[in-house]
Amino acid sequence: MNFLEGEILCFDKPLHWTSFNLVKRVRSKIIYKLRLKKIKVGHAGTLDPLATGVMIVCTGKATKWIEKFQYQTKEYIATLRLGATTPSFDLETEIDATYDTGHINREQVEQVLQQFVGTIQQIPPAFSACKVDGKRAYKIARKGEEVVLKAKELVIDEIELLEYAMPDIKIRVVCSKGTYIRALARDIGQALGSGAHLTALTRTRIGEIRLEDCLSIDRIDDIVEKARLEMQEETGKENTKNTDI
């Protein structure tokens, strides 16, 4: 394993970790264990702190593949709570409004979900990394200021209702780059004549890389230590070869 030449590592991002936290942990372990001055490390697609699941981390020369991974299809499992909204469309912020759900039934939910399949326009959440006049939208939103974002075109390939247990529903979503599942939750709630917000989210796939292929971030010590031992062994062989000459 050669991190400078380039490695692609797949992790299951822990709950409450930012994408930056995970990349920082990988980078710091590699630099410390292998005694490097610096190394390029990046991820192929942000996950919110309250989301878990597939995160692809590229090192060294493999960072050139990041954009390729970013454009691959993604799959998510999301739990939505109907009848209430939050400013961030998830549990990062407190409930700001409640709505009636008495008129909602399973058949209606399944019909509404299919309205979002195909090419759609989606307005990103105010609490997002989108930029407004050079500033991150979430920084503006957290100050209580109004954030106006333009709708973006994206593609939803599939939406499947996995569980119906009012006021909660669990769905599987297959979608393109740039899809905000939090915004999808908002839009589904509105389409049902109610409100909704995200209570759980797991990214289960990026392209052909699935959640079951991913490692816990706790494994990074073992991975880097193995690389260190391999480097040590190669150095020893090289020294023996030079001595023989």
C-alpha atoms as a PDB file:
ATOM      1  CA  MET A   1       0.000   0.000   0.000  1.00  0.00           C
ATOM      2  CA  ASN A   2       1.467   3.327  -1.084  1.00  0.00           C
ATOM      3  CA  PHE A   3      -0.437   6.397   0.057  1.00  0.00           C
ATOM      4  CA  LEU A   4       1.706   8.836  -1.914  1.00  0.00           C
ATOM      5  CA  GLU A   5       1.286   6.952  -5.182  1.00  0.00           C
ATOM      6  CA  GLY A   6      -2.407   6.809  -4.394  1.00  0.00           C
ATOM      7  CA  GLU A   7      -4.882   4.702  -2.448  1.00  0.00           C
ATOM      8  CA  ILE A   8      -8.682   4.624  -2.435  1.00  0.00           C
ATOM      9  CA  LEU A   9     -10.116   3.926   1.009  1.00  0.00           C
ATOM     10  CA  CYS A  10     -13.806   3.364   1.712  1.00  0.00           C
ATOM     11  CA  PHE A  11     -15.178   4.145   5.168  1.00  0.00           C
ATOM     12  CA  ASP A  12     -18.528   4.086   6.925  1.00  0.00           C
ATOM     13  CA  LYS A  13     -18.631   7.659   8.237  1.00  0.00           C
ATOM     14  CA  PRO A  14     -19.636   7.714  11.919  1.00  0.00           C
ATOM     15  CA  LEU A  15     -22.628   9.659  13.185  1.00  0.00           C
ATOM     16  CA  HIS A  16     -21.837  13.248  14.274  1.00  0.00           C
ATOM     17  CA  TRP A  17     -18.527  13.312  12.358  1.00  0.00           C
ATOM     18  CA  THR A  18     -18.125  15.909   9.625  1.00  0.00           C
ATOM     19  CA  SER A  19     -16.612  14.820   6.323  1.00  0.00           C
ATOM     20  CA  PHE A  20     -13.641  17.050   7.187  1.00  0.00           C
ATOM     21  CA  ASN A  21     -13.176  15.224  10.522  1.00  0.00           C
ATOM     22  CA  LEU A  22     -12.821  11.900   8.716  1.00  0.00           C
ATOM     23  CA  VAL A  23     -10.369  13.209   6.120  1.00  0.00           C
ATOM     24  CA  LYS A  24      -8.340  14.950   8.838  1.00  0.00           C
ATOM     25  CA  ARG A  25      -8.106  11.711  10.841  1.00  0.00           C
ATOM     26  CA  VAL A  26      -6.867   9.755   7.812  1.00  0.00           C
ATOM     27  CA  ARG A  27      -4.347  12.443   6.825  1.00  0.00           C
ATOM     28  CA  SER A  28      -2.955  12.877  10.349  1.00  0.00           C
ATOM     29  CA  LYS A  29      -2.508   9.120  10.863  1.00  0.00           C
ATOM     30  CA  ILE A  30      -0.659   8.739   7.564  1.00  0.00           C
ATOM     31  CA  ILE A  31       1.635  11.726   8.218  1.00  0.00           C
ATOM     32  CA  TYR A  32       2.416  10.677  11.802  1.00  0.00           C
ATOM     33  CA  LYS A  33       2.923   6.936  11.241  1.00  0.00           C
ATOM     34  CA  LEU A  34       4.844   7.239   7.972  1.00  0.00           C
ATOM     35  CA  ARG A  35       6.745  10.383   9.010  1.00  0.00           C
ATOM     36  CA  LEU A  36       5.673  12.376   5.987  1.00  0.00           C
ATOM     37  CA  LYS A  37       5.735  16.169   5.791  1.00  0.00           C
ATOM     38  CA  LYS A  38       2.476  16.340   3.865  1.00  0.00           C
ATOM     39  CA  ILE A  39       0.160  14.308   1.664  1.00  0.00           C
ATOM     40  CA  LYS A  40      -2.952  15.036  -0.390  1.00  0.00           C
ATOM     41  CA  VAL A  41      -6.115  13.495   1.063  1.00  0.00           C
ATOM     42  CA  GLY A  42      -9.668  14.235  -0.071  1.00  0.00           C
ATOM     43  CA  HIS A  43     -13.166  12.759  -0.057  1.00  0.00           C
ATOM     44  CA  ALA A  44     -15.538  12.092  -2.933  1.00  0.00           C
ATOM     45  CA  GLY A  45     -18.803  13.537  -1.651  1.00  0.00           C
ATOM     46  CA  THR A  46     -19.805  15.299   1.559  1.00  0.00           C
ATOM     47  CA  LEU A  47     -22.067  13.746   4.176  1.00  0.00           C
ATOM     48  CA  ASP A  48     -23.813  15.834   6.826  1.00  0.00           C
ATOM     49  CA  PRO A  49     -22.730  15.251  10.445  1.00  0.00           C
ATOM     50  CA  LEU A  50     -26.076  13.590  11.196  1.00  0.00           C
ATOM     51  CA  ALA A  51     -25.656  11.147   8.294  1.00  0.00           C
ATOM     52  CA  THR A  52     -23.666   7.927   8.198  1.00  0.00           C
ATOM     53  CA  GLY A  53     -22.481   5.648   5.433  1.00  0.00           C
ATOM     54  CA  VAL A  54     -20.235   5.370   2.415  1.00  0.00           C
ATOM     55  CA  MET A  55     -17.405   7.881   2.205  1.00  0.00           C
ATOM     56  CA  ILE A  56     -14.639   7.399  -0.335  1.00  0.00           C
ATOM     57  CA  VAL A  57     -11.274   8.853   0.679  1.00  0.00           C
ATOM     58  CA  CYS A  58      -8.490   9.230  -1.879  1.00  0.00           C
ATOM     59  CA  THR A  59      -4.822   9.820  -1.080  1.00  0.00           C
ATOM     60  CA  GLY A  60      -1.820  11.065  -3.043  1.00  0.00           C
ATOM     61  CA  LYS A  61      -2.117  10.722  -6.807  1.00  0.00           C
ATOM     62  CA  ALA A  62      -5.483   8.944  -6.428  1.00  0.00           C
ATOM     63  CA  THR A  63      -7.085  12.313  -5.554  1.00  0.00           C
ATOM     64  CA  LYS A  64      -7.383  12.823  -9.320  1.00  0.00           C
ATOM     65  CA  TRP A  65     -10.201  10.233  -9.216  1.00  0.00           C
ATOM     66  CA  ILE A  66     -12.315  12.230  -6.764  1.00  0.00           C
ATOM     67  CA  GLU A  67     -14.374  13.997  -9.422  1.00  0.00           C
ATOM     68  CA  LYS A  68     -15.116  10.677 -11.135  1.00  0.00           C
ATOM     69  CA  PHE A  69     -16.538   9.247  -7.906  1.00  0.00           C
ATOM     70  CA  GLN A  70     -18.507  12.427  -7.210  1.00  0.00           C
ATOM     71  CA  TYR A  71     -20.445  12.069 -10.440  1.00  0.00           C
ATOM     72  CA  GLN A  72     -21.413   8.448  -9.824  1.00  0.00           C
ATOM     73  CA  THR A  73     -24.944   7.496  -8.787  1.00  0.00           C
ATOM     74  CA  LYS A  74     -25.620   7.407  -5.048  1.00  0.00           C
ATOM     75  CA  GLU A  75     -28.090   5.439  -2.939  1.00  0.00           C
ATOM     76  CA  TYR A  76     -29.501   6.470   0.425  1.00  0.00           C
ATOM     77  CA  ILE A  77     -31.787   5.056   3.100  1.00  0.00           C
ATOM     78  CA  ALA A  78     -33.665   7.900   4.778  1.00  0.00           C
ATOM     79  CA  THR A  79     -36.169   8.136   7.622  1.00  0.00           C
ATOM     80  CA  LEU A  80     -38.615  11.039   7.435  1.00  0.00           C
ATOM     81  CA  ARG A  81     -40.922  12.269  10.165  1.00  0.00           C
ATOM     82  CA  LEU A  82     -44.116  13.693   8.734  1.00  0.00           C
ATOM     83  CA  GLY A  83     -46.131  16.441  10.369  1.00  0.00           C
ATOM     84  CA  ALA A  84     -43.258  18.665  11.519  1.00  0.00           C
ATOM     85  CA  THR A  85     -40.544  20.815   9.973  1.00  0.00           C
ATOM     86  CA  THR A  86     -37.220  22.232  11.098  1.00  0.00           C
ATOM     87  CA  PRO A  87     -35.197  25.092   9.539  1.00  0.00           C
ATOM     88  CA  SER A  88     -32.411  22.688   8.540  1.00  0.00           C
ATOM     89  CA  PHE A  89     -34.863  19.960   7.396  1.00  0.00           C
ATOM     90  CA  ASP A  90     -33.176  17.524   9.818  1.00  0.00           C
ATOM     91  CA  LEU A  91     -32.449  17.208  13.555  1.00  0.00           C
ATOM     92  CA  GLU A  92     -29.698  19.849  13.587  1.00  0.00           C
ATOM     93  CA  THR A  93     -32.316  22.464  14.455  1.00  0.00           C
ATOM     94  CA  GLU A  94     -35.484  22.450  16.565  1.00  0.00           C
ATOM     95  CA  ILE A  95     -39.006  21.928  15.197  1.00  0.00           C
ATOM     96  CA  ASP A  96     -40.418  25.247  14.009  1.00  0.00           C
ATOM     97  CA  ALA A  97     -43.884  24.157  12.822  1.00  0.00           C
ATOM     98  CA  THR A  98     -46.290  21.223  13.074  1.00  0.00           C
ATOM     99  CA  TYR A  99     -48.930  20.041  10.611  1.00  0.00           C
ATOM    100  CA  ASP A 100     -51.857  17.639  10.437  1.00  0.00           C
ATOM    101  CA  THR A 101     -51.139  14.140   9.106  1.00  0.00           C
ATOM    102  CA  GLY A 102     -54.614  12.658   9.549  1.00  0.00           C
ATOM    103  CA  HIS A 103     -55.311  12.784   5.827  1.00  0.00           C
ATOM    104  CA  ILE A 104     -52.157  10.842   4.869  1.00  0.00           C
ATOM    105  CA  ASN A 105     -52.245   7.114   4.088  1.00  0.00           C
ATOM    106  CA  ARG A 106     -49.753   4.625   2.662  1.00  0.00           C
ATOM    107  CA  GLU A 107     -51.204   4.722  -0.856  1.00  0.00           C
ATOM    108  CA  GLN A 108     -50.940   8.518  -0.949  1.00  0.00           C
ATOM    109  CA  VAL A 109     -47.311   8.381   0.221  1.00  0.00           C
ATOM    110  CA  GLU A 110     -46.395   5.887  -2.493  1.00  0.00           C
ATOM    111  CA  GLN A 111     -48.081   8.038  -5.146  1.00  0.00           C
ATOM    112  CA  VAL A 112     -46.341  11.221  -3.985  1.00  0.00           C
ATOM    113  CA  LEU A 113     -42.921   9.566  -3.910  1.00  0.00           C
ATOM    114  CA  GLN A 114     -43.205   8.661  -7.577  1.00  0.00           C
ATOM    115  CA  GLN A 115     -43.775  12.334  -8.437  1.00  0.00           C
ATOM    116  CA  PHE A 116     -40.113  12.928  -7.655  1.00  0.00           C
ATOM    117  CA  VAL A 117     -38.708  10.230  -9.936  1.00  0.00           C
ATOM    118  CA  GLY A 118     -36.931  11.601 -13.021  1.00  0.00           C
ATOM    119  CA  THR A 119     -35.323  14.974 -13.729  1.00  0.00           C
ATOM    120  CA  ILE A 120     -36.463  17.499 -11.131  1.00  0.00           C
ATOM    121  CA  GLN A 121     -35.673  20.990  -9.881  1.00  0.00           C
ATOM    122  CA  GLN A 122     -34.602  21.173  -6.233  1.00  0.00           C
ATOM    123  CA  ILE A 123     -33.883  24.212  -4.074  1.00  0.00           C
ATOM    124  CA  PRO A 124     -30.945  23.371  -1.757  1.00  0.00           C
ATOM    125  CA  PRO A 125     -31.394  23.810   2.011  1.00  0.00           C
ATOM    126  CA  ALA A 126     -30.442  27.162   3.525  1.00  0.00           C
ATOM    127  CA  PHE A 127     -28.339  25.147   5.981  1.00  0.00           C
ATOM    128  CA  SER A 128     -25.966  23.878   3.299  1.00  0.00           C
ATOM    129  CA  ALA A 129     -22.483  24.511   1.929  1.00  0.00           C
ATOM    130  CA  CYS A 130     -23.873  26.288  -1.141  1.00  0.00           C
ATOM    131  CA  LYS A 131     -22.421  29.766  -1.611  1.00  0.00           C
ATOM    132  CA  VAL A 132     -24.346  33.037  -1.589  1.00  0.00           C
ATOM    133  CA  ASP A 133     -22.254  36.053  -2.603  1.00  0.00           C
ATOM    134  CA  GLY A 134     -19.118  34.109  -1.727  1.00  0.00           C
ATOM    135  CA  LYS A 135     -20.371  33.035   1.706  1.00  0.00           C
ATOM    136  CA  ARG A 136     -21.504  29.573   2.810  1.00  0.00           C
ATOM    137  CA  ALA A 137     -25.293  29.492   3.060  1.00  0.00           C
ATOM    138  CA  TYR A 138     -25.303  27.744   6.447  1.00  0.00           C
ATOM    139  CA  LYS A 139     -23.206  30.537   7.998  1.00  0.00           C
ATOM    140  CA  ILE A 140     -25.800  33.078   6.894  1.00  0.00           C
ATOM    141  CA  ALA A 141     -28.723  30.888   7.999  1.00  0.00           C
ATOM    142  CA  ARG A 142     -27.248  30.331  11.460  1.00  0.00           C
ATOM    143  CA  LYS A 143     -27.267  34.102  11.991  1.00  0.00           C
ATOM    144  CA  GLY A 144     -31.007  34.050  11.404  1.00  0.00           C
ATOM    145  CA  GLU A 145     -30.685  35.884   8.098  1.00  0.00           C
ATOM    146  CA  GLU A 146     -32.730  34.945   5.022  1.00  0.00           C
ATOM    147  CA  VAL A 147     -30.996  32.767   2.447  1.00  0.00           C
ATOM    148  CA  VAL A 148     -32.205  32.728  -1.157  1.00  0.00           C
ATOM    149  CA  LEU A 149     -30.903  29.837  -3.262  1.00  0.00           C
ATOM    150  CA  LYS A 150     -31.712  28.972  -6.857  1.00  0.00           C
ATOM    151  CA  ALA A 151     -33.205  25.623  -7.824  1.00  0.00           C
ATOM    152  CA  LYS A 152     -30.810  23.085  -9.321  1.00  0.00           C
ATOM    153  CA  GLU A 153     -31.562  20.341 -11.803  1.00  0.00           C
ATOM    154  CA  LEU A 154     -30.893  16.791 -10.659  1.00  0.00           C
ATOM    155  CA  VAL A 155     -32.037  13.252 -11.345  1.00  0.00           C
ATOM    156  CA  ILE A 156     -33.849  10.842  -9.047  1.00  0.00           C
ATOM    157  CA  ASP A 157     -33.597   7.351 -10.544  1.00  0.00           C
ATOM    158  CA  GLU A 158     -35.610   5.487  -7.918  1.00  0.00           C
ATOM    159  CA  ILE A 159     -37.625   6.095  -4.768  1.00  0.00           C
ATOM    160  CA  GLU A 160     -38.965   3.131  -2.829  1.00  0.00           C
ATOM    161  CA  LEU A 161     -41.093   3.136   0.319  1.00  0.00           C
ATOM    162  CA  LEU A 162     -39.447   0.662   2.694  1.00  0.00           C
ATOM    163  CA  GLU A 163     -41.456   1.254   5.871  1.00  0.00           C
ATOM    164  CA  TYR A 164     -44.700   3.053   6.691  1.00  0.00           C
ATOM    165  CA  ALA A 165     -45.186   3.660  10.429  1.00  0.00           C
ATOM    166  CA  MET A 166     -46.805   7.068  10.825  1.00  0.00           C
ATOM    167  CA  PRO A 167     -45.614   9.632  11.518  1.00  0.00           C
ATOM    168  CA  ASP A 168     -42.390   8.049  10.221  1.00  0.00           C
ATOM    169  CA  ILE A 169     -41.626   6.654   6.785  1.00  0.00           C
ATOM    170  CA  LYS A 170     -38.410   5.053   5.579  1.00  0.00           C
ATOM    171  CA  ILE A 171     -37.430   5.369   1.916  1.00  0.00           C
ATOM    172  CA  ARG A 172     -34.653   4.248  -0.399  1.00  0.00           C
ATOM    173  CA  VAL A 173     -33.438   6.867  -2.872  1.00  0.00           C
ATOM    174  CA  VAL A 174     -31.145   6.391  -5.887  1.00  0.00           C
ATOM    175  CA  CYS A 175     -30.038   9.752  -7.232  1.00  0.00           C
ATOM    176  CA  SER A 176     -27.474  11.909  -8.986  1.00  0.00           C
ATOM    177  CA  LYS A 177     -24.744  14.162  -7.632  1.00  0.00           C
ATOM    178  CA  GLY A 178     -26.022  17.282  -5.912  1.00  0.00           C
ATOM    179  CA  THR A 179     -29.171  15.770  -4.429  1.00  0.00           C
ATOM    180  CA  TYR A 180     -30.007  16.965  -0.926  1.00  0.00           C
ATOM    181  CA  ILE A 181     -32.056  14.274   0.804  1.00  0.00           C
ATOM    182  CA  ARG A 182     -33.000  16.858   3.458  1.00  0.00           C
ATOM    183  CA  ALA A 183     -34.519  19.034   0.736  1.00  0.00           C
ATOM    184  CA  LEU A 184     -36.264  15.987  -0.711  1.00  0.00           C
ATOM    185  CA  ALA A 185     -37.810  15.369   2.729  1.00  0.00           C
ATOM    186  CA  ARG A 186     -39.058  18.973   2.771  1.00  0.00           C
ATOM    187  CA  ASP A 187     -40.579  18.627  -0.692  1.00  0.00           C
ATOM    188  CA  ILE A 188     -42.221  15.277   0.078  1.00  0.00           C
ATOM    189  CA  GLY A 189     -43.826  16.772   3.170  1.00  0.00           C
ATOM    190  CA  GLN A 190     -45.182  19.702   1.169  1.00  0.00           C
ATOM    191  CA  ALA A 191     -46.491  17.403  -1.587  1.00  0.00           C
ATOM    192  CA  LEU A 192     -48.381  15.443   1.079  1.00  0.00           C
ATOM    193  CA  GLY A 193     -50.077  18.630   2.265  1.00  0.00           C
ATOM    194  CA  SER A 194     -48.144  18.527   5.511  1.00  0.00           C
ATOM    195  CA  GLY A 195     -44.525  18.954   6.549  1.00  0.00           C
ATOM    196  CA  ALA A 196     -41.542  16.658   7.017  1.00  0.00           C
ATOM    197  CA  HIS A 197     -37.956  16.537   8.167  1.00  0.00           C
ATOM    198  CA  LEU A 198     -35.152  13.997   8.125  1.00  0.00           C
ATOM    199  CA  THR A 199     -34.486  11.986  11.296  1.00  0.00           C
ATOM    200  CA  ALA A 200     -31.904   9.505   9.960  1.00  0.00           C
ATOM    201  CA  LEU A 201     -29.825   9.131   6.797  1.00  0.00           C
ATOM    202  CA  THR A 202     -27.351   6.523   5.571  1.00  0.00           C
ATOM    203  CA  ARG A 203     -25.552   6.581   2.229  1.00  0.00           C
ATOM    204  CA  THR A 204     -25.501   2.941   1.189  1.00  0.00           C
ATOM    205  CA  ARG A 205     -23.767   3.199  -2.176  1.00  0.00           C
ATOM    206  CA  ILE A 206     -21.576   5.356  -4.421  1.00  0.00           C
ATOM    207  CA  GLY A 207     -21.325   3.800  -7.869  1.00  0.00           C
ATOM    208  CA  GLU A 208     -20.392   0.159  -7.291  1.00  0.00           C
ATOM    209  CA  ILE A 209     -19.026   0.745  -3.784  1.00  0.00           C
ATOM    210  CA  ARG A 210     -21.533  -0.409  -1.191  1.00  0.00           C
ATOM    211  CA  LEU A 211     -21.778   0.101   2.551  1.00  0.00           C
ATOM    212  CA  GLU A 212     -20.817  -3.524   3.192  1.00  0.00           C
ATOM    213  CA  ASP A 213     -17.522  -2.848   1.366  1.00  0.00           C
ATOM    214  CA  CYS A 214     -16.608  -0.052   3.776  1.00  0.00           C
ATOM    215  CA  LEU A 215     -14.397  -0.070   6.854  1.00  0.00           C
ATOM    216  CA  SER A 216     -14.865   1.525  10.238  1.00  0.00           C
ATOM    217  CA  ILE A 217     -12.661   4.588  10.705  1.00  0.00           C
ATOM    218  CA  ASP A 218     -11.198   2.731  13.709  1.00  0.00           C
ATOM    219  CA  ARG A 219      -9.375   0.535  11.201  1.00  0.00           C
ATOM    220  CA  ILE A 220      -7.205   3.399   9.953  1.00  0.00           C
ATOM    221  CA  ASP A 221      -4.500   2.636  12.527  1.00  0.00           C
ATOM    222  CA  ASP A 222      -4.212  -0.967  11.277  1.00  0.00           C
ATOM    223  CA  ILE A 223      -4.204   0.138   7.641  1.00  0.00           C
ATOM    224  CA  VAL A 224      -1.451   2.705   8.119  1.00  0.00           C
ATOM    225  CA  GLU A 225       0.607   0.408  10.348  1.00  0.00           C
ATOM    226  CA  LYS A 226       0.477  -2.277   7.656  1.00  0.00           C
ATOM    227  CA  ALA A 227       1.700   0.268   5.109  1.00  0.00           C
ATOM    228  CA  ARG A 228       4.515   1.298   7.457  1.00  0.00           C
ATOM    229  CA  LEU A 229       5.669  -2.298   7.861  1.00  0.00           C
ATOM    230  CA  GLU A 230       5.539  -2.842   4.093  1.00  0.00           C
ATOM    231  CA  MET A 231       7.681   0.263   3.563  1.00  0.00           C
ATOM    232  CA  GLN A 232      10.104  -0.928   6.234  1.00  0.00           C
ATOM    233  CA  GLU A 233      10.354  -4.318   4.566  1.00  0.00           C
ATOM    234  CA  GLU A 234      10.969  -2.770   1.143  1.00  0.00           C
ATOM    235  CA  THR A 235      13.683  -0.525   2.589  1.00  0.00           C
ATOM    236  CA  GLY A 236      15.322  -3.549   4.191  1.00  0.00           C
ATOM    237  CA  LYS A 237      15.312  -5.462   0.906  1.00  0.00           C
ATOM    238  CA  GLU A 238      16.767  -2.460  -0.897  1.00  0.00           C
ATOM    239  CA  ASN A 239      19.530  -2.114   1.683  1.00  0.00           C
ATOM    240  CA  THR A 240      20.364  -5.842   1.420  1.00  0.00           C
ATOM    241  CA  LYS A 241      20.492  -5.577  -2.361  1.00  0.00           C
ATOM    242  CA  ASN A 242      22.865  -2.606  -2.180  1.00  0.00           C
ATOM    243  CA  THR A 243      25.099  -4.456   0.312  1.00  0.00           C
ATOM    244  CA  ASP A 244      25.312  -7.481  -1.975  1.00  0.00           C
ATOM    245  CA  ILE A 245      26.493  -5.273  -4.802  1.00  0.00           C
END
